[in-house]
Structures are given as C-alpha cells and as structure tokens.
Amino acid sequence: MEENKSLENEKKRDIVIPGEAIVQGQEYLPGDYTVRDGETIVANRFGLSDISGRLVKVIPLAGVYMPRKGNAVIGKVTDITFNGWIIDINAPYVGFLSAMDAGRYVSKNELMEFLDFGDMVIAEVFSVKHRGVDLTLKASGLGRLEDGMIIRINSNKVPRIIGKEGSMINLIKKETGCNIIVGQNGLIWIKGRAVEAELLAKEAIMFIVDKSFIGGLTEAVQEFFNKKTKNKGDEK
C-alpha cells in the first residue's frame, strides 16, 4: 500500500504559485523552492510541484539560470585572454576557463588553437564567485562540441527534458539516433547522422517545453514519435 502511495506521489505534478500549500504532514521534507509552514510544505516559486517519496520540491517554469558548482553547462567562447577564455554560459555572469583547467597542457601561444572565438564547449562549473564563474574541462565528456546543432530553452525546463533518471532524454536519443547533451543552463547540443534526425530531436524537445506542465508527459512524447513514424510511413 505504501509502495503504491509512493508511486502515486512521484507522478503527482500540479502548477503551484508562491505561498500555495503542496502537502501537509511532518513526514514530508521541503526541497528546492519550498519551505515548511507548520505542518504544511509551501511553494515559494511559480512552477510544478514534484513529490518523490518524502521529498517535496518545485520545478520552476520561469526564471534565469543561476550557476551552481558541479553543473554541466554549454557555452560559447566570446573572448580570449592571456591565460584563458571568456565563455558566455547564458547566465547573469560570464564564465572563465583558465588554461590550467583545459584538461591538458595548453601554452599561452596555443590558446586560439585549442579554443577559438565562437567555439561551443561543454564545461563544468568549478566555482561561483561574486561576479564570475570558473569553469573546468577536467572531467570525462567535456570539451569542444563539433558540428551539430545548438538550441536554447528556458533552463528551468531542463529537468523535464532530462526526465527521471534520464528517461526522457534517453527516449529522444533512441527515437532519433542523435547524440544529445543537455546543459543545465538551457543550451542543448544535438548531433545526428542527418539534419532530418537533428530537426526531429529539436521538435521533440520543443514539444516537451510547450507541454512541460502536463501529466503523463513521457507517454505524450512517445505518441508524438509514433505519429511521426506513421506519417513518414504514409508518405511512402
């Protein structure tokens, strides 16, 4: 019985506004964008309520990306200094990647060869300072993004694009055959064998963005792909 209740809670997502009660009971714990008010867990941000087991949080539906240590972000090289690169990470603060954090030795004379103006990179937030963000490439899977397509969404929709334990993004990868990297800052890199596959992945992601407030979103996305497959078959 308790297991069924837990599963039911994990699926329960309602639109809430600041000050609105989500659940009652001391057994629940406040998570992101929620606070406890006596016996009640209350939202302090406009978004979707998310109850997973005992943890209650709100997934924001609007707002600006605020960097956090450990976030994977996609950014664009906008300037090169004597010891590193200035990177636009779609945040109120610019990112800085030091040559020492490039993942391999890069001399001051090779900076432009390693990363040039306009290059797109996937990096990790190493630290957040008062007016800037330090980035690093010293982890697996980080570095320059070659070719492909970059799209931009509201960063608060990223959890819906990824899904629980990566379920949603894995579905898109499977149906399109594309390699996809989702930055926590709302930039997404898509690379497929054909432009048509990349455009289909983009369309699916924008479908999720538009429908992010509905329940049963995974099923809706699967139906989206089923219709695309059927229409393609009918054209033949």
C-alpha atoms as a PDB file:
ATOM      1  CA  MET A   1       0.000   0.000   0.000  1.00  0.00           C
ATOM      2  CA  GLU A   2       2.812   2.381   0.945  1.00  0.00           C
ATOM      3  CA  GLU A   3       4.635   1.490  -2.296  1.00  0.00           C
ATOM      4  CA  ASN A   4       1.553   2.377  -4.352  1.00  0.00           C
ATOM      5  CA  LYS A   5       1.219   5.667  -2.488  1.00  0.00           C
ATOM      6  CA  SER A   6       4.864   6.465  -3.219  1.00  0.00           C
ATOM      7  CA  LEU A   7       4.454   5.738  -6.910  1.00  0.00           C
ATOM      8  CA  GLU A   8       1.328   7.881  -6.987  1.00  0.00           C
ATOM      9  CA  ASN A   9       3.157  10.767  -5.330  1.00  0.00           C
ATOM     10  CA  GLU A  10       6.010  10.587  -7.829  1.00  0.00           C
ATOM     11  CA  LYS A  11       3.547  11.145 -10.673  1.00  0.00           C
ATOM     12  CA  LYS A  12       1.679  13.988  -8.999  1.00  0.00           C
ATOM     13  CA  ARG A  13       2.654  17.321 -10.549  1.00  0.00           C
ATOM     14  CA  ASP A  14       0.447  20.377 -10.279  1.00  0.00           C
ATOM     15  CA  ILE A  15       1.078  24.005 -11.170  1.00  0.00           C
ATOM     16  CA  VAL A  16       1.663  25.989  -7.964  1.00  0.00           C
ATOM     17  CA  ILE A  17       2.248  29.652  -7.135  1.00  0.00           C
ATOM     18  CA  PRO A  18       4.305  31.198  -4.306  1.00  0.00           C
ATOM     19  CA  GLY A  19       2.545  30.703  -0.962  1.00  0.00           C
ATOM     20  CA  GLU A  20       0.412  27.791  -2.167  1.00  0.00           C
ATOM     21  CA  ALA A  21       0.250  24.664   0.021  1.00  0.00           C
ATOM     22  CA  ILE A  22       1.506  21.499  -1.667  1.00  0.00           C
ATOM     23  CA  VAL A  23       1.183  18.795   1.029  1.00  0.00           C
ATOM     24  CA  GLN A  24       0.628  18.513   4.753  1.00  0.00           C
ATOM     25  CA  GLY A  25       2.418  16.332   7.263  1.00  0.00           C
ATOM     26  CA  GLN A  26       5.693  16.195   9.184  1.00  0.00           C
ATOM     27  CA  GLU A  27       6.719  13.124   7.186  1.00  0.00           C
ATOM     28  CA  TYR A  28       7.374  15.323   4.132  1.00  0.00           C
ATOM     29  CA  LEU A  29      10.641  17.196   3.668  1.00  0.00           C
ATOM     30  CA  PRO A  30      10.951  20.578   1.866  1.00  0.00           C
ATOM     31  CA  GLY A  31      13.240  20.564  -1.172  1.00  0.00           C
ATOM     32  CA  ASP A  32      14.070  23.120  -3.873  1.00  0.00           C
ATOM     33  CA  TYR A  33      11.831  26.232  -3.886  1.00  0.00           C
ATOM     34  CA  THR A  34       9.674  25.049  -0.976  1.00  0.00           C
ATOM     35  CA  VAL A  35       9.514  25.893   2.737  1.00  0.00           C
ATOM     36  CA  ARG A  36       7.815  24.392   5.766  1.00  0.00           C
ATOM     37  CA  ASP A  37       4.999  26.337   7.429  1.00  0.00           C
ATOM     38  CA  GLY A  38       3.917  24.315  10.456  1.00  0.00           C
ATOM     39  CA  GLU A  39       2.507  21.048   9.118  1.00  0.00           C
ATOM     40  CA  THR A  40       2.448  22.307   5.519  1.00  0.00           C
ATOM     41  CA  ILE A  41       5.023  22.364   2.738  1.00  0.00           C
ATOM     42  CA  VAL A  42       4.545  25.611   0.797  1.00  0.00           C
ATOM     43  CA  ALA A  43       5.823  26.676  -2.631  1.00  0.00           C
ATOM     44  CA  ASN A  44       7.933  29.832  -2.857  1.00  0.00           C
ATOM     45  CA  ARG A  45       8.306  29.760  -6.654  1.00  0.00           C
ATOM     46  CA  PHE A  46       5.901  29.508  -9.589  1.00  0.00           C
ATOM     47  CA  GLY A  47       6.254  26.073 -11.169  1.00  0.00           C
ATOM     48  CA  LEU A  48       5.362  22.390 -10.997  1.00  0.00           C
ATOM     49  CA  SER A  49       5.089  20.642  -7.655  1.00  0.00           C
ATOM     50  CA  ASP A  50       7.119  17.438  -7.549  1.00  0.00           C
ATOM     51  CA  ILE A  51       6.651  14.852  -4.803  1.00  0.00           C
ATOM     52  CA  SER A  52       9.136  11.990  -4.839  1.00  0.00           C
ATOM     53  CA  GLY A  53       8.801   9.788  -1.775  1.00  0.00           C
ATOM     54  CA  ARG A  54       9.101  12.157   1.197  1.00  0.00           C
ATOM     55  CA  LEU A  55      10.862  14.949  -0.709  1.00  0.00           C
ATOM     56  CA  VAL A  56       8.749  17.843  -1.988  1.00  0.00           C
ATOM     57  CA  LYS A  57      10.110  20.413  -4.430  1.00  0.00           C
ATOM     58  CA  VAL A  58       9.019  22.831  -7.128  1.00  0.00           C
ATOM     59  CA  ILE A  59      10.351  22.733 -10.688  1.00  0.00           C
ATOM     60  CA  PRO A  60      10.343  26.403 -11.797  1.00  0.00           C
ATOM     61  CA  LEU A  61       8.644  27.257 -15.070  1.00  0.00           C
ATOM     62  CA  ALA A  62      10.273  30.663 -15.478  1.00  0.00           C
ATOM     63  CA  GLY A  63      13.442  32.421 -14.431  1.00  0.00           C
ATOM     64  CA  VAL A  64      17.111  32.989 -15.206  1.00  0.00           C
ATOM     65  CA  TYR A  65      19.783  30.308 -14.942  1.00  0.00           C
ATOM     66  CA  MET A  66      21.905  30.705 -11.820  1.00  0.00           C
ATOM     67  CA  PRO A  67      25.142  28.677 -11.949  1.00  0.00           C
ATOM     68  CA  ARG A  68      25.879  26.088  -9.277  1.00  0.00           C
ATOM     69  CA  LYS A  69      29.092  24.214  -8.592  1.00  0.00           C
ATOM     70  CA  GLY A  70      29.088  20.902 -10.450  1.00  0.00           C
ATOM     71  CA  ASN A  71      26.629  21.976 -13.163  1.00  0.00           C
ATOM     72  CA  ALA A  72      27.395  20.911 -16.722  1.00  0.00           C
ATOM     73  CA  VAL A  73      26.906  23.930 -18.978  1.00  0.00           C
ATOM     74  CA  ILE A  74      27.213  24.633 -22.676  1.00  0.00           C
ATOM     75  CA  GLY A  75      28.798  27.939 -23.613  1.00  0.00           C
ATOM     76  CA  LYS A  76      30.300  29.990 -26.434  1.00  0.00           C
ATOM     77  CA  VAL A  77      33.812  31.405 -26.471  1.00  0.00           C
ATOM     78  CA  THR A  78      33.457  35.186 -26.730  1.00  0.00           C
ATOM     79  CA  ASP A  79      36.970  36.371 -25.849  1.00  0.00           C
ATOM     80  CA  ILE A  80      40.496  35.089 -25.271  1.00  0.00           C
ATOM     81  CA  THR A  81      42.739  36.495 -22.534  1.00  0.00           C
ATOM     82  CA  PHE A  82      46.426  35.969 -21.845  1.00  0.00           C
ATOM     83  CA  ASN A  83      45.658  32.900 -19.690  1.00  0.00           C
ATOM     84  CA  GLY A  84      42.268  31.539 -20.741  1.00  0.00           C
ATOM     85  CA  TRP A  85      38.890  32.015 -22.376  1.00  0.00           C
ATOM     86  CA  ILE A  86      35.790  34.091 -21.606  1.00  0.00           C
ATOM     87  CA  ILE A  87      32.684  31.972 -22.186  1.00  0.00           C
ATOM     88  CA  ASP A  88      29.048  33.043 -22.439  1.00  0.00           C
ATOM     89  CA  ILE A  89      27.082  30.465 -20.419  1.00  0.00           C
ATOM     90  CA  ASN A  90      23.617  32.041 -20.708  1.00  0.00           C
ATOM     91  CA  ALA A  91      23.766  33.371 -17.152  1.00  0.00           C
ATOM     92  CA  PRO A  92      23.970  36.774 -15.425  1.00  0.00           C
ATOM     93  CA  TYR A  93      27.713  36.168 -15.051  1.00  0.00           C
ATOM     94  CA  VAL A  94      30.248  35.178 -17.710  1.00  0.00           C
ATOM     95  CA  GLY A  95      32.274  32.015 -17.377  1.00  0.00           C
ATOM     96  CA  PHE A  96      36.069  31.894 -17.329  1.00  0.00           C
ATOM     97  CA  LEU A  97      38.054  28.841 -18.373  1.00  0.00           C
ATOM     98  CA  SER A  98      41.675  29.033 -17.298  1.00  0.00           C
ATOM     99  CA  ALA A  99      44.293  27.364 -19.493  1.00  0.00           C
ATOM    100  CA  MET A 100      45.214  25.319 -16.399  1.00  0.00           C
ATOM    101  CA  ASP A 101      41.689  23.842 -16.381  1.00  0.00           C
ATOM    102  CA  ALA A 102      41.641  22.940 -20.085  1.00  0.00           C
ATOM    103  CA  GLY A 103      42.065  19.235 -19.384  1.00  0.00           C
ATOM    104  CA  ARG A 104      45.534  19.117 -20.924  1.00  0.00           C
ATOM    105  CA  TYR A 105      48.557  21.388 -21.102  1.00  0.00           C
ATOM    106  CA  VAL A 106      47.947  24.439 -23.302  1.00  0.00           C
ATOM    107  CA  SER A 107      50.654  27.056 -23.639  1.00  0.00           C
ATOM    108  CA  LYS A 108      49.793  30.742 -23.846  1.00  0.00           C
ATOM    109  CA  ASN A 109      50.728  30.658 -27.530  1.00  0.00           C
ATOM    110  CA  GLU A 110      48.269  27.853 -28.293  1.00  0.00           C
ATOM    111  CA  LEU A 111      45.125  29.264 -26.711  1.00  0.00           C
ATOM    112  CA  MET A 112      43.442  30.101 -30.004  1.00  0.00           C
ATOM    113  CA  GLU A 113      44.336  26.725 -31.466  1.00  0.00           C
ATOM    114  CA  PHE A 114      42.725  24.906 -28.550  1.00  0.00           C
ATOM    115  CA  LEU A 115      39.550  27.054 -28.423  1.00  0.00           C
ATOM    116  CA  ASP A 116      38.808  29.866 -30.857  1.00  0.00           C
ATOM    117  CA  PHE A 117      36.240  32.676 -30.947  1.00  0.00           C
ATOM    118  CA  GLY A 118      32.749  31.265 -31.482  1.00  0.00           C
ATOM    119  CA  ASP A 119      33.622  27.700 -30.451  1.00  0.00           C
ATOM    120  CA  MET A 120      30.982  25.905 -28.379  1.00  0.00           C
ATOM    121  CA  VAL A 121      32.068  23.864 -25.353  1.00  0.00           C
ATOM    122  CA  ILE A 122      30.551  21.662 -22.705  1.00  0.00           C
ATOM    123  CA  ALA A 123      32.174  22.521 -19.375  1.00  0.00           C
ATOM    124  CA  GLU A 124      31.628  22.043 -15.662  1.00  0.00           C
ATOM    125  CA  VAL A 125      31.095  24.849 -13.158  1.00  0.00           C
ATOM    126  CA  PHE A 126      34.099  24.628 -10.834  1.00  0.00           C
ATOM    127  CA  SER A 127      33.249  27.577  -8.592  1.00  0.00           C
ATOM    128  CA  VAL A 128      30.863  30.534  -8.459  1.00  0.00           C
ATOM    129  CA  LYS A 129      32.235  33.901  -7.432  1.00  0.00           C
ATOM    130  CA  HIS A 130      30.604  37.265  -6.813  1.00  0.00           C
ATOM    131  CA  ARG A 131      30.836  38.420 -10.418  1.00  0.00           C
ATOM    132  CA  GLY A 132      32.008  35.419 -12.362  1.00  0.00           C
ATOM    133  CA  VAL A 133      32.019  31.666 -12.787  1.00  0.00           C
ATOM    134  CA  ASP A 134      35.118  29.477 -13.034  1.00  0.00           C
ATOM    135  CA  LEU A 135      34.827  26.560 -15.454  1.00  0.00           C
ATOM    136  CA  THR A 136      36.811  23.373 -15.970  1.00  0.00           C
ATOM    137  CA  LEU A 137      37.209  20.725 -18.659  1.00  0.00           C
ATOM    138  CA  LYS A 138      38.929  18.280 -16.295  1.00  0.00           C
ATOM    139  CA  ALA A 139      36.297  15.550 -16.475  1.00  0.00           C
ATOM    140  CA  SER A 140      35.182  12.907 -18.945  1.00  0.00           C
ATOM    141  CA  GLY A 141      32.955  14.106 -21.771  1.00  0.00           C
ATOM    142  CA  LEU A 142      33.897  17.781 -21.516  1.00  0.00           C
ATOM    143  CA  GLY A 143      35.430  19.870 -24.292  1.00  0.00           C
ATOM    144  CA  ARG A 144      34.702  21.456 -27.650  1.00  0.00           C
ATOM    145  CA  LEU A 145      31.457  20.488 -29.382  1.00  0.00           C
ATOM    146  CA  GLU A 146      31.999  19.742 -33.053  1.00  0.00           C
ATOM    147  CA  ASP A 147      29.320  20.356 -35.697  1.00  0.00           C
ATOM    148  CA  GLY A 148      25.724  19.524 -34.782  1.00  0.00           C
ATOM    149  CA  MET A 149      23.002  21.936 -33.726  1.00  0.00           C
ATOM    150  CA  ILE A 150      22.655  24.127 -30.634  1.00  0.00           C
ATOM    151  CA  ILE A 151      19.202  25.075 -29.352  1.00  0.00           C
ATOM    152  CA  ARG A 152      18.260  27.229 -26.381  1.00  0.00           C
ATOM    153  CA  ILE A 153      15.407  26.647 -23.923  1.00  0.00           C
ATOM    154  CA  ASN A 154      14.441  28.067 -20.541  1.00  0.00           C
ATOM    155  CA  SER A 155      16.871  26.482 -18.075  1.00  0.00           C
ATOM    156  CA  ASN A 156      14.009  25.702 -15.722  1.00  0.00           C
ATOM    157  CA  LYS A 157      12.639  23.253 -18.299  1.00  0.00           C
ATOM    158  CA  VAL A 158      15.858  21.199 -18.261  1.00  0.00           C
ATOM    159  CA  PRO A 159      14.612  18.682 -15.624  1.00  0.00           C
ATOM    160  CA  ARG A 160      11.615  17.906 -17.846  1.00  0.00           C
ATOM    161  CA  ILE A 161      13.865  17.397 -20.882  1.00  0.00           C
ATOM    162  CA  ILE A 162      16.094  15.008 -18.939  1.00  0.00           C
ATOM    163  CA  GLY A 163      13.279  13.195 -17.112  1.00  0.00           C
ATOM    164  CA  LYS A 164      13.592  10.982 -14.067  1.00  0.00           C
ATOM    165  CA  GLU A 165      16.949   9.198 -14.176  1.00  0.00           C
ATOM    166  CA  GLY A 166      17.388  10.352 -17.782  1.00  0.00           C
ATOM    167  CA  SER A 167      14.256   8.598 -19.046  1.00  0.00           C
ATOM    168  CA  MET A 168      13.036  11.434 -21.302  1.00  0.00           C
ATOM    169  CA  ILE A 169      16.324  12.315 -22.961  1.00  0.00           C
ATOM    170  CA  ASN A 170      17.074   8.618 -23.492  1.00  0.00           C
ATOM    171  CA  LEU A 171      13.728   8.249 -25.251  1.00  0.00           C
ATOM    172  CA  ILE A 172      14.589  11.106 -27.620  1.00  0.00           C
ATOM    173  CA  LYS A 173      18.037   9.635 -28.301  1.00  0.00           C
ATOM    174  CA  LYS A 174      16.544   6.228 -29.051  1.00  0.00           C
ATOM    175  CA  GLU A 175      13.847   7.548 -31.394  1.00  0.00           C
ATOM    176  CA  THR A 176      16.146   9.914 -33.321  1.00  0.00           C
ATOM    177  CA  GLY A 177      19.531   8.192 -33.133  1.00  0.00           C
ATOM    178  CA  CYS A 178      21.098  11.523 -32.164  1.00  0.00           C
ATOM    179  CA  ASN A 179      23.806  12.295 -29.656  1.00  0.00           C
ATOM    180  CA  ILE A 180      22.359  14.911 -27.298  1.00  0.00           C
ATOM    181  CA  ILE A 181      23.985  16.870 -24.473  1.00  0.00           C
ATOM    182  CA  VAL A 182      21.763  18.951 -22.214  1.00  0.00           C
ATOM    183  CA  GLY A 183      23.416  21.836 -20.374  1.00  0.00           C
ATOM    184  CA  GLN A 184      21.936  22.850 -17.037  1.00  0.00           C
ATOM    185  CA  ASN A 185      21.981  26.416 -18.390  1.00  0.00           C
ATOM    186  CA  GLY A 186      19.349  25.644 -21.045  1.00  0.00           C
ATOM    187  CA  LEU A 187      21.605  25.121 -24.068  1.00  0.00           C
ATOM    188  CA  ILE A 188      21.298  21.756 -25.794  1.00  0.00           C
ATOM    189  CA  TRP A 189      23.657  20.216 -28.369  1.00  0.00           C
ATOM    190  CA  ILE A 190      22.212  17.800 -30.922  1.00  0.00           C
ATOM    191  CA  LYS A 191      24.231  15.822 -33.442  1.00  0.00           C
ATOM    192  CA  GLY A 192      22.756  13.197 -35.742  1.00  0.00           C
ATOM    193  CA  ARG A 193      23.704  11.330 -38.882  1.00  0.00           C
ATOM    194  CA  ALA A 194      21.371  13.556 -40.883  1.00  0.00           C
ATOM    195  CA  VAL A 195      19.897  17.022 -40.494  1.00  0.00           C
ATOM    196  CA  GLU A 196      16.410  15.463 -40.525  1.00  0.00           C
ATOM    197  CA  ALA A 197      17.234  13.493 -37.370  1.00  0.00           C
ATOM    198  CA  GLU A 198      18.529  16.617 -35.628  1.00  0.00           C
ATOM    199  CA  LEU A 199      15.404  18.554 -36.574  1.00  0.00           C
ATOM    200  CA  LEU A 200      13.193  15.738 -35.248  1.00  0.00           C
ATOM    201  CA  ALA A 201      15.073  15.780 -31.935  1.00  0.00           C
ATOM    202  CA  LYS A 202      14.708  19.552 -31.778  1.00  0.00           C
ATOM    203  CA  GLU A 203      10.974  19.301 -32.487  1.00  0.00           C
ATOM    204  CA  ALA A 204      10.570  16.706 -29.720  1.00  0.00           C
ATOM    205  CA  ILE A 205      12.441  18.903 -27.236  1.00  0.00           C
ATOM    206  CA  MET A 206      10.300  21.932 -28.078  1.00  0.00           C
ATOM    207  CA  PHE A 207       7.200  19.724 -27.738  1.00  0.00           C
ATOM    208  CA  ILE A 208       8.307  18.914 -24.178  1.00  0.00           C
ATOM    209  CA  VAL A 209       8.966  22.589 -23.446  1.00  0.00           C
ATOM    210  CA  ASP A 210       5.465  23.517 -24.614  1.00  0.00           C
ATOM    211  CA  LYS A 211       3.796  20.633 -22.736  1.00  0.00           C
ATOM    212  CA  SER A 212       6.006  20.635 -19.631  1.00  0.00           C
ATOM    213  CA  PHE A 213       3.076  21.348 -17.326  1.00  0.00           C
ATOM    214  CA  ILE A 214       1.011  18.254 -18.246  1.00  0.00           C
ATOM    215  CA  GLY A 215       0.943  14.872 -16.534  1.00  0.00           C
ATOM    216  CA  GLY A 216       1.902  11.741 -18.439  1.00  0.00           C
ATOM    217  CA  LEU A 217       4.442  13.669 -20.476  1.00  0.00           C
ATOM    218  CA  THR A 218       6.559  10.623 -21.334  1.00  0.00           C
ATOM    219  CA  GLU A 219       3.544   8.900 -22.866  1.00  0.00           C
ATOM    220  CA  ALA A 220       2.709  12.074 -24.803  1.00  0.00           C
ATOM    221  CA  VAL A 221       6.245  12.235 -26.213  1.00  0.00           C
ATOM    222  CA  GLN A 222       6.119   8.569 -27.219  1.00  0.00           C
ATOM    223  CA  GLU A 223       2.828   9.253 -29.003  1.00  0.00           C
ATOM    224  CA  PHE A 224       4.484  12.227 -30.712  1.00  0.00           C
ATOM    225  CA  PHE A 225       7.158   9.917 -32.134  1.00  0.00           C
ATOM    226  CA  ASN A 226       4.599   7.246 -33.056  1.00  0.00           C
ATOM    227  CA  LYS A 227       2.670   9.786 -35.118  1.00  0.00           C
ATOM    228  CA  LYS A 228       5.859  10.970 -36.814  1.00  0.00           C
ATOM    229  CA  THR A 229       6.732   7.383 -37.736  1.00  0.00           C
ATOM    230  CA  LYS A 230       3.209   6.706 -39.022  1.00  0.00           C
ATOM    231  CA  ASN A 231       3.130   9.879 -41.116  1.00  0.00           C
ATOM    232  CA  LYS A 232       6.513   9.023 -42.592  1.00  0.00           C
ATOM    233  CA  GLY A 233       5.215   5.555 -43.487  1.00  0.00           C
ATOM    234  CA  ASP A 234       2.070   7.004 -45.083  1.00  0.00           C
ATOM    235  CA  GLU A 235       4.178   9.309 -47.269  1.00  0.00           C
ATOM    236  CA  LYS A 236       5.923   6.283 -48.714  1.00  0.00           C
END
